[in-house]
PDB file of N, CA and C in Angstrom:
ATOM      1  N   UNK A   1      10.044  -3.900  31.239  1.00  0.00           N
ATOM      2  CA  UNK A   1      10.579  -3.485  29.973  1.00  0.00           C
ATOM      3  C   UNK A   1       9.553  -3.817  28.904  1.00  0.00           C
ATOM      4  N   UNK A   2       9.281  -2.872  28.047  1.00  0.00           N
ATOM      5  CA  UNK A   2       8.332  -3.094  26.965  1.00  0.00           C
ATOM      6  C   UNK A   2       9.065  -3.141  25.634  1.00  0.00           C
ATOM      7  N   UNK A   3       8.601  -4.030  24.792  1.00  0.00           N
ATOM      8  CA  UNK A   3       9.147  -4.156  23.453  1.00  0.00           C
ATOM      9  C   UNK A   3       8.023  -3.880  22.458  1.00  0.00           C
ATOM     10  N   UNK A   4       8.277  -3.085  21.427  1.00  0.00           N
ATOM     11  CA  UNK A   4       7.239  -2.846  20.432  1.00  0.00           C
ATOM     12  C   UNK A   4       6.869  -4.124  19.681  1.00  0.00           C
ATOM     13  N   UNK A   5       7.801  -5.031  19.616  1.00  0.00           N
ATOM     14  CA  UNK A   5       7.588  -6.296  18.916  1.00  0.00           C
ATOM     15  C   UNK A   5       7.534  -7.420  19.955  1.00  0.00           C
ATOM     16  N   UNK A   6       6.398  -8.100  20.051  1.00  0.00           N
ATOM     17  CA  UNK A   6       6.263  -9.165  21.049  1.00  0.00           C
ATOM     18  C   UNK A   6       7.256 -10.303  20.797  1.00  0.00           C
ATOM     19  N   UNK A   7       7.652 -10.517  19.562  1.00  0.00           N
ATOM     20  CA  UNK A   7       8.638 -11.555  19.266  1.00  0.00           C
ATOM     21  C   UNK A   7       9.997 -11.213  19.868  1.00  0.00           C
ATOM     22  N   UNK A   8      10.300  -9.925  19.970  1.00  0.00           N
ATOM     23  CA  UNK A   8      11.569  -9.511  20.566  1.00  0.00           C
ATOM     24  C   UNK A   8      11.599  -9.893  22.037  1.00  0.00           C
ATOM     25  N   UNK A   9      10.488  -9.708  22.729  1.00  0.00           N
ATOM     26  CA  UNK A   9      10.422 -10.076  24.136  1.00  0.00           C
ATOM     27  C   UNK A   9      10.594 -11.582  24.300  1.00  0.00           C
ATOM     28  N   UNK A  10       9.959 -12.359  23.445  1.00  0.00           N
ATOM     29  CA  UNK A  10      10.088 -13.813  23.510  1.00  0.00           C
ATOM     30  C   UNK A  10      11.532 -14.239  23.266  1.00  0.00           C
ATOM     31  N   UNK A  11      12.212 -13.571  22.364  1.00  0.00           N
ATOM     32  CA  UNK A  11      13.611 -13.904  22.089  1.00  0.00           C
ATOM     33  C   UNK A  11      14.481 -13.609  23.308  1.00  0.00           C
ATOM     34  N   UNK A  12      14.243 -12.481  23.957  1.00  0.00           N
ATOM     35  CA  UNK A  12      15.006 -12.128  25.151  1.00  0.00           C
ATOM     36  C   UNK A  12      14.708 -13.119  26.266  1.00  0.00           C
ATOM     37  N   UNK A  13      13.440 -13.431  26.437  1.00  0.00           N
ATOM     38  CA  UNK A  13      13.043 -14.392  27.468  1.00  0.00           C
ATOM     39  C   UNK A  13      13.689 -15.754  27.227  1.00  0.00           C
ATOM     40  N   UNK A  14      13.719 -16.187  25.971  1.00  0.00           N
ATOM     41  CA  UNK A  14      14.342 -17.459  25.621  1.00  0.00           C
ATOM     42  C   UNK A  14      15.830 -17.456  25.912  1.00  0.00           C
ATOM     43  N   UNK A  15      16.493 -16.359  25.624  1.00  0.00           N
ATOM     44  CA  UNK A  15      17.932 -16.258  25.869  1.00  0.00           C
ATOM     45  C   UNK A  15      18.231 -16.278  27.363  1.00  0.00           C
ATOM     46  N   UNK A  16      17.373 -15.625  28.150  1.00  0.00           N
ATOM     47  CA  UNK A  16      17.537 -15.633  29.606  1.00  0.00           C
ATOM     48  C   UNK A  16      17.416 -17.059  30.129  1.00  0.00           C
ATOM     49  N   UNK A  17      16.457 -17.813  29.613  1.00  0.00           N
ATOM     50  CA  UNK A  17      16.277 -19.199  30.037  1.00  0.00           C
ATOM     51  C   UNK A  17      17.492 -20.043  29.664  1.00  0.00           C
ATOM     52  N   UNK A  18      18.008 -19.863  28.461  1.00  0.00           N
ATOM     53  CA  UNK A  18      19.206 -20.605  28.035  1.00  0.00           C
ATOM     54  C   UNK A  18      20.372 -20.300  28.969  1.00  0.00           C
ATOM     55  N   UNK A  19      20.557 -19.037  29.305  1.00  0.00           N
ATOM     56  CA  UNK A  19      21.647 -18.654  30.222  1.00  0.00           C
ATOM     57  C   UNK A  19      21.453 -19.282  31.597  1.00  0.00           C
ATOM     58  N   UNK A  20      20.212 -19.309  32.078  1.00  0.00           N
ATOM     59  CA  UNK A  20      19.933 -19.905  33.388  1.00  0.00           C
ATOM     60  C   UNK A  20      20.243 -21.403  33.376  1.00  0.00           C
ATOM     61  N   UNK A  21      19.886 -22.078  32.294  1.00  0.00           N
ATOM     62  CA  UNK A  21      20.163 -23.514  32.178  1.00  0.00           C
ATOM     63  C   UNK A  21      21.668 -23.748  32.117  1.00  0.00           C
ATOM     64  N   UNK A  22      22.373 -22.954  31.318  1.00  0.00           N
ATOM     65  CA  UNK A  22      23.822 -23.099  31.220  1.00  0.00           C
ATOM     66  C   UNK A  22      24.490 -22.890  32.577  1.00  0.00           C
ATOM     67  N   UNK A  23      24.048 -21.903  33.300  1.00  0.00           N
ATOM     68  CA  UNK A  23      24.626 -21.624  34.611  1.00  0.00           C
ATOM     69  C   UNK A  23      24.329 -22.759  35.587  1.00  0.00           C
ATOM     70  N   UNK A  24      23.109 -23.261  35.596  1.00  0.00           N
ATOM     71  CA  UNK A  24      22.746 -24.356  36.501  1.00  0.00           C
ATOM     72  C   UNK A  24      23.548 -25.610  36.171  1.00  0.00           C
ATOM     73  N   UNK A  25      23.747 -25.892  34.884  1.00  0.00           N
ATOM     74  CA  UNK A  25      24.484 -27.097  34.491  1.00  0.00           C
ATOM     75  C   UNK A  25      25.937 -27.064  34.956  1.00  0.00           C
ATOM     76  N   UNK A  26      26.472 -25.891  35.230  1.00  0.00           N
ATOM     77  CA  UNK A  26      27.851 -25.790  35.713  1.00  0.00           C
ATOM     78  C   UNK A  26      28.019 -26.435  37.087  1.00  0.00           C
ATOM     79  N   UNK A  27      26.914 -26.597  37.812  1.00  0.00           N
ATOM     80  CA  UNK A  27      26.962 -27.212  39.141  1.00  0.00           C
ATOM     81  C   UNK A  27      26.817 -28.728  39.099  1.00  0.00           C
ATOM     82  N   UNK A  28      26.614 -29.294  37.925  1.00  0.00           N
ATOM     83  CA  UNK A  28      26.414 -30.726  37.762  1.00  0.00           C
ATOM     84  C   UNK A  28      27.754 -31.428  37.548  1.00  0.00           C
ATOM     85  N   UNK A  29      27.753 -32.722  37.766  1.00  0.00           N
ATOM     86  CA  UNK A  29      28.923 -33.530  37.402  1.00  0.00           C
ATOM     87  C   UNK A  29      29.170 -33.328  35.901  1.00  0.00           C
ATOM     88  N   UNK A  30      30.430 -33.352  35.464  1.00  0.00           N
ATOM     89  CA  UNK A  30      30.730 -33.048  34.063  1.00  0.00           C
ATOM     90  C   UNK A  30      29.924 -33.846  33.037  1.00  0.00           C
ATOM     91  N   UNK A  31      29.780 -35.150  33.246  1.00  0.00           N
ATOM     92  CA  UNK A  31      29.058 -35.931  32.248  1.00  0.00           C
ATOM     93  C   UNK A  31      27.554 -35.604  32.267  1.00  0.00           C
ATOM     94  N   UNK A  32      26.985 -35.355  33.442  1.00  0.00           N
ATOM     95  CA  UNK A  32      25.578 -34.952  33.511  1.00  0.00           C
ATOM     96  C   UNK A  32      25.374 -33.590  32.854  1.00  0.00           C
ATOM     97  N   UNK A  33      26.314 -32.678  33.069  1.00  0.00           N
ATOM     98  CA  UNK A  33      26.227 -31.360  32.437  1.00  0.00           C
ATOM     99  C   UNK A  33      26.272 -31.500  30.921  1.00  0.00           C
ATOM    100  N   UNK A  34      27.138 -32.386  30.427  1.00  0.00           N
ATOM    101  CA  UNK A  34      27.251 -32.581  28.982  1.00  0.00           C
ATOM    102  C   UNK A  34      25.967 -33.179  28.419  1.00  0.00           C
ATOM    103  N   UNK A  35      25.426 -34.190  29.086  1.00  0.00           N
ATOM    104  CA  UNK A  35      24.185 -34.822  28.629  1.00  0.00           C
ATOM    105  C   UNK A  35      23.050 -33.795  28.631  1.00  0.00           C
ATOM    106  N   UNK A  36      22.951 -33.003  29.689  1.00  0.00           N
ATOM    107  CA  UNK A  36      21.918 -31.972  29.755  1.00  0.00           C
ATOM    108  C   UNK A  36      22.066 -30.943  28.650  1.00  0.00           C
ATOM    109  N   UNK A  37      23.286 -30.528  28.371  1.00  0.00           N
ATOM    110  CA  UNK A  37      23.532 -29.547  27.309  1.00  0.00           C
ATOM    111  C   UNK A  37      23.192 -30.133  25.942  1.00  0.00           C
ATOM    112  N   UNK A  38      23.602 -31.360  25.692  1.00  0.00           N
ATOM    113  CA  UNK A  38      23.267 -31.984  24.409  1.00  0.00           C
ATOM    114  C   UNK A  38      21.766 -32.034  24.210  1.00  0.00           C
ATOM    115  N   UNK A  39      21.045 -32.410  25.243  1.00  0.00           N
ATOM    116  CA  UNK A  39      19.593 -32.578  25.132  1.00  0.00           C
ATOM    117  C   UNK A  39      18.860 -31.231  25.066  1.00  0.00           C
ATOM    118  N   UNK A  40      19.156 -30.349  25.995  1.00  0.00           N
ATOM    119  CA  UNK A  40      18.394 -29.105  26.104  1.00  0.00           C
ATOM    120  C   UNK A  40      18.885 -27.993  25.192  1.00  0.00           C
ATOM    121  N   UNK A  41      20.180 -27.901  24.996  1.00  0.00           N
ATOM    122  CA  UNK A  41      20.723 -26.768  24.256  1.00  0.00           C
ATOM    123  C   UNK A  41      21.061 -27.097  22.806  1.00  0.00           C
ATOM    124  N   UNK A  42      21.440 -28.342  22.562  1.00  0.00           N
ATOM    125  CA  UNK A  42      21.785 -28.731  21.185  1.00  0.00           C
ATOM    126  C   UNK A  42      20.666 -29.501  20.494  1.00  0.00           C
ATOM    127  N   UNK A  43      19.682 -29.949  21.267  1.00  0.00           N
ATOM    128  CA  UNK A  43      18.525 -30.618  20.666  1.00  0.00           C
ATOM    129  C   UNK A  43      18.745 -32.067  20.272  1.00  0.00           C
ATOM    130  N   UNK A  44      19.773 -32.710  20.829  1.00  0.00           N
ATOM    131  CA  UNK A  44      19.974 -34.123  20.513  1.00  0.00           C
ATOM    132  C   UNK A  44      18.914 -34.971  21.212  1.00  0.00           C
ATOM    133  N   UNK A  45      18.496 -36.046  20.564  1.00  0.00           N
ATOM    134  CA  UNK A  45      17.530 -36.937  21.199  1.00  0.00           C
ATOM    135  C   UNK A  45      18.263 -38.011  22.007  1.00  0.00           C
ATOM    136  N   UNK A  46      17.500 -38.791  22.739  1.00  0.00           N
ATOM    137  CA  UNK A  46      18.085 -39.798  23.629  1.00  0.00           C
ATOM    138  C   UNK A  46      18.937 -40.802  22.873  1.00  0.00           C
ATOM    139  N   UNK A  47      18.499 -41.214  21.696  1.00  0.00           N
ATOM    140  CA  UNK A  47      19.273 -42.200  20.921  1.00  0.00           C
ATOM    141  C   UNK A  47      20.618 -41.626  20.478  1.00  0.00           C
ATOM    142  N   UNK A  48      20.638 -40.373  20.053  1.00  0.00           N
ATOM    143  CA  UNK A  48      21.894 -39.756  19.618  1.00  0.00           C
ATOM    144  C   UNK A  48      22.859 -39.621  20.793  1.00  0.00           C
ATOM    145  N   UNK A  49      22.331 -39.262  21.956  1.00  0.00           N
ATOM    146  CA  UNK A  49      23.173 -39.146  23.143  1.00  0.00           C
ATOM    147  C   UNK A  49      23.711 -40.519  23.538  1.00  0.00           C
ATOM    148  N   UNK A  50      22.843 -41.525  23.492  1.00  0.00           N
ATOM    149  CA  UNK A  50      23.262 -42.888  23.825  1.00  0.00           C
ATOM    150  C   UNK A  50      24.396 -43.342  22.905  1.00  0.00           C
ATOM    151  N   UNK A  51      24.291 -43.033  21.628  1.00  0.00           N
ATOM    152  CA  UNK A  51      25.336 -43.411  20.673  1.00  0.00           C
ATOM    153  C   UNK A  51      26.656 -42.713  21.014  1.00  0.00           C
ATOM    154  N   UNK A  52      26.583 -41.439  21.379  1.00  0.00           N
ATOM    155  CA  UNK A  52      27.802 -40.707  21.732  1.00  0.00           C
ATOM    156  C   UNK A  52      28.465 -41.270  22.979  1.00  0.00           C
ATOM    157  N   UNK A  53      27.636 -41.700  23.934  1.00  0.00           N
ATOM    158  CA  UNK A  53      28.174 -42.203  25.201  1.00  0.00           C
ATOM    159  C   UNK A  53      28.482 -43.697  25.175  1.00  0.00           C
ATOM    160  N   UNK A  54      27.950 -44.405  24.177  1.00  0.00           N
ATOM    161  CA  UNK A  54      28.146 -45.845  24.112  1.00  0.00           C
ATOM    162  C   UNK A  54      27.327 -46.588  25.149  1.00  0.00           C
ATOM    163  N   UNK A  55      26.136 -46.059  25.442  1.00  0.00           N
ATOM    164  CA  UNK A  55      25.229 -46.692  26.405  1.00  0.00           C
ATOM    165  C   UNK A  55      23.874 -46.879  25.744  1.00  0.00           C
ATOM    166  N   UNK A  56      22.947 -47.511  26.464  1.00  0.00           N
ATOM    167  CA  UNK A  56      21.616 -47.744  25.908  1.00  0.00           C
ATOM    168  C   UNK A  56      20.752 -46.488  26.017  1.00  0.00           C
ATOM    169  N   UNK A  57      19.734 -46.425  25.171  1.00  0.00           N
ATOM    170  CA  UNK A  57      18.780 -45.310  25.227  1.00  0.00           C
ATOM    171  C   UNK A  57      18.046 -45.280  26.561  1.00  0.00           C
ATOM    172  N   UNK A  58      17.617 -46.435  27.124  1.00  0.00           N
ATOM    173  CA  UNK A  58      16.984 -46.382  28.445  1.00  0.00           C
ATOM    174  C   UNK A  58      17.903 -45.814  29.534  1.00  0.00           C
ATOM    175  N   UNK A  59      19.202 -46.069  29.431  1.00  0.00           N
ATOM    176  CA  UNK A  59      20.143 -45.509  30.408  1.00  0.00           C
ATOM    177  C   UNK A  59      20.180 -43.987  30.302  1.00  0.00           C
ATOM    178  N   UNK A  60      20.140 -43.482  29.077  1.00  0.00           N
ATOM    179  CA  UNK A  60      20.114 -42.033  28.860  1.00  0.00           C
ATOM    180  C   UNK A  60      18.799 -41.454  29.362  1.00  0.00           C
ATOM    181  N   UNK A  61      17.710 -42.137  29.106  1.00  0.00           N
ATOM    182  CA  UNK A  61      16.396 -41.676  29.558  1.00  0.00           C
ATOM    183  C   UNK A  61      16.366 -41.529  31.076  1.00  0.00           C
ATOM    184  N   UNK A  62      16.874 -42.527  31.762  1.00  0.00           N
ATOM    185  CA  UNK A  62      16.916 -42.500  33.228  1.00  0.00           C
ATOM    186  C   UNK A  62      17.778 -41.337  33.721  1.00  0.00           C
ATOM    187  N   UNK A  63      18.933 -41.149  33.100  1.00  0.00           N
ATOM    188  CA  UNK A  63      19.831 -40.067  33.497  1.00  0.00           C
ATOM    189  C   UNK A  63      19.175 -38.710  33.231  1.00  0.00           C
ATOM    190  N   UNK A  64      18.519 -38.570  32.080  1.00  0.00           N
ATOM    191  CA  UNK A  64      17.865 -37.304  31.745  1.00  0.00           C
ATOM    192  C   UNK A  64      16.739 -36.966  32.719  1.00  0.00           C
ATOM    193  N   UNK A  65      15.987 -37.960  33.146  1.00  0.00           N
ATOM    194  CA  UNK A  65      14.914 -37.704  34.120  1.00  0.00           C
ATOM    195  C   UNK A  65      15.492 -37.118  35.395  1.00  0.00           C
ATOM    196  N   UNK A  66      16.609 -37.661  35.836  1.00  0.00           N
ATOM    197  CA  UNK A  66      17.272 -37.171  37.044  1.00  0.00           C
ATOM    198  C   UNK A  66      17.823 -35.758  36.819  1.00  0.00           C
ATOM    199  N   UNK A  67      18.454 -35.540  35.674  1.00  0.00           N
ATOM    200  CA  UNK A  67      19.023 -34.232  35.349  1.00  0.00           C
ATOM    201  C   UNK A  67      17.921 -33.176  35.262  1.00  0.00           C
ATOM    202  N   UNK A  68      16.848 -33.486  34.573  1.00  0.00           N
ATOM    203  CA  UNK A  68      15.762 -32.524  34.389  1.00  0.00           C
ATOM    204  C   UNK A  68      15.053 -32.212  35.704  1.00  0.00           C
ATOM    205  N   UNK A  69      14.893 -33.215  36.561  1.00  0.00           N
ATOM    206  CA  UNK A  69      14.277 -32.975  37.872  1.00  0.00           C
ATOM    207  C   UNK A  69      15.142 -32.022  38.686  1.00  0.00           C
ATOM    208  N   UNK A  70      16.445 -32.241  38.665  1.00  0.00           N
ATOM    209  CA  UNK A  70      17.347 -31.363  39.421  1.00  0.00           C
ATOM    210  C   UNK A  70      17.338 -29.950  38.841  1.00  0.00           C
ATOM    211  N   UNK A  71      17.327 -29.838  37.517  1.00  0.00           N
ATOM    212  CA  UNK A  71      17.275 -28.517  36.886  1.00  0.00           C
ATOM    213  C   UNK A  71      16.007 -27.769  37.279  1.00  0.00           C
ATOM    214  N   UNK A  72      14.873 -28.485  37.275  1.00  0.00           N
ATOM    215  CA  UNK A  72      13.621 -27.842  37.671  1.00  0.00           C
ATOM    216  C   UNK A  72      13.709 -27.292  39.089  1.00  0.00           C
ATOM    217  N   UNK A  73      14.278 -28.097  39.990  1.00  0.00           N
ATOM    218  CA  UNK A  73      14.443 -27.649  41.376  1.00  0.00           C
ATOM    219  C   UNK A  73      15.354 -26.427  41.448  1.00  0.00           C
ATOM    220  N   UNK A  74      16.492 -26.498  40.794  1.00  0.00           N
ATOM    221  CA  UNK A  74      17.471 -25.413  40.871  1.00  0.00           C
ATOM    222  C   UNK A  74      16.967 -24.123  40.220  1.00  0.00           C
ATOM    223  N   UNK A  75      16.149 -24.250  39.188  1.00  0.00           N
ATOM    224  CA  UNK A  75      15.631 -23.070  38.500  1.00  0.00           C
ATOM    225  C   UNK A  75      14.311 -22.593  39.105  1.00  0.00           C
ATOM    226  N   UNK A  76      13.795 -23.339  40.077  1.00  0.00           N
ATOM    227  CA  UNK A  76      12.569 -22.910  40.740  1.00  0.00           C
ATOM    228  C   UNK A  76      11.318 -23.086  39.921  1.00  0.00           C
ATOM    229  N   UNK A  77      11.331 -24.052  39.003  1.00  0.00           N
ATOM    230  CA  UNK A  77      10.146 -24.282  38.174  1.00  0.00           C
ATOM    231  C   UNK A  77       9.497 -25.620  38.463  1.00  0.00           C
ATOM    232  N   UNK A  78       9.927 -26.255  39.527  1.00  0.00           N
ATOM    233  CA  UNK A  78       9.406 -27.582  39.870  1.00  0.00           C
ATOM    234  C   UNK A  78       7.882 -27.552  40.055  1.00  0.00           C
ATOM    235  N   UNK A  79       7.383 -26.582  40.799  1.00  0.00           N
ATOM    236  CA  UNK A  79       5.945 -26.509  41.063  1.00  0.00           C
ATOM    237  C   UNK A  79       5.198 -25.652  40.054  1.00  0.00           C
ATOM    238  N   UNK A  80       5.903 -24.891  39.242  1.00  0.00           N
ATOM    239  CA  UNK A  80       5.253 -24.012  38.268  1.00  0.00           C
ATOM    240  C   UNK A  80       4.463 -24.805  37.243  1.00  0.00           C
ATOM    241  N   UNK A  81       4.957 -25.989  36.860  1.00  0.00           N
ATOM    242  CA  UNK A  81       4.271 -26.786  35.856  1.00  0.00           C
ATOM    243  C   UNK A  81       2.993 -27.400  36.402  1.00  0.00           C
ATOM    244  N   UNK A  82       2.887 -27.560  37.710  1.00  0.00           N
ATOM    245  CA  UNK A  82       1.728 -28.191  38.315  1.00  0.00           C
ATOM    246  C   UNK A  82       0.604 -27.196  38.597  1.00  0.00           C
ATOM    247  N   UNK A  83       0.929 -25.890  38.539  1.00  0.00           N
ATOM    248  CA  UNK A  83      -0.077 -24.878  38.806  1.00  0.00           C
ATOM    249  C   UNK A  83      -0.994 -24.722  37.601  1.00  0.00           C
ATOM    250  N   UNK A  84      -2.282 -24.460  37.837  1.00  0.00           N
ATOM    251  CA  UNK A  84      -3.212 -24.274  36.694  1.00  0.00           C
ATOM    252  C   UNK A  84      -2.957 -23.018  35.949  1.00  0.00           C
TER     253      UNK A  84
END
């Protein structure tokens, strides 16, 4: 598909990625899905998430690393970042 405006293609591509993340998060435990959505889709930082959950920022960091690793695997981008 060609778009006369390259920004239009980027917007469509971004929306497709958001939909893929939302769909993948549906397979996660509810609290992990919520943490992933807050971080990736709403843009909350680790401290804000920690405050919402009543836990420490390092606990959120550890959980996010696990969530993001699983998302990469499920979306098939685990090895894409390592390629030149």
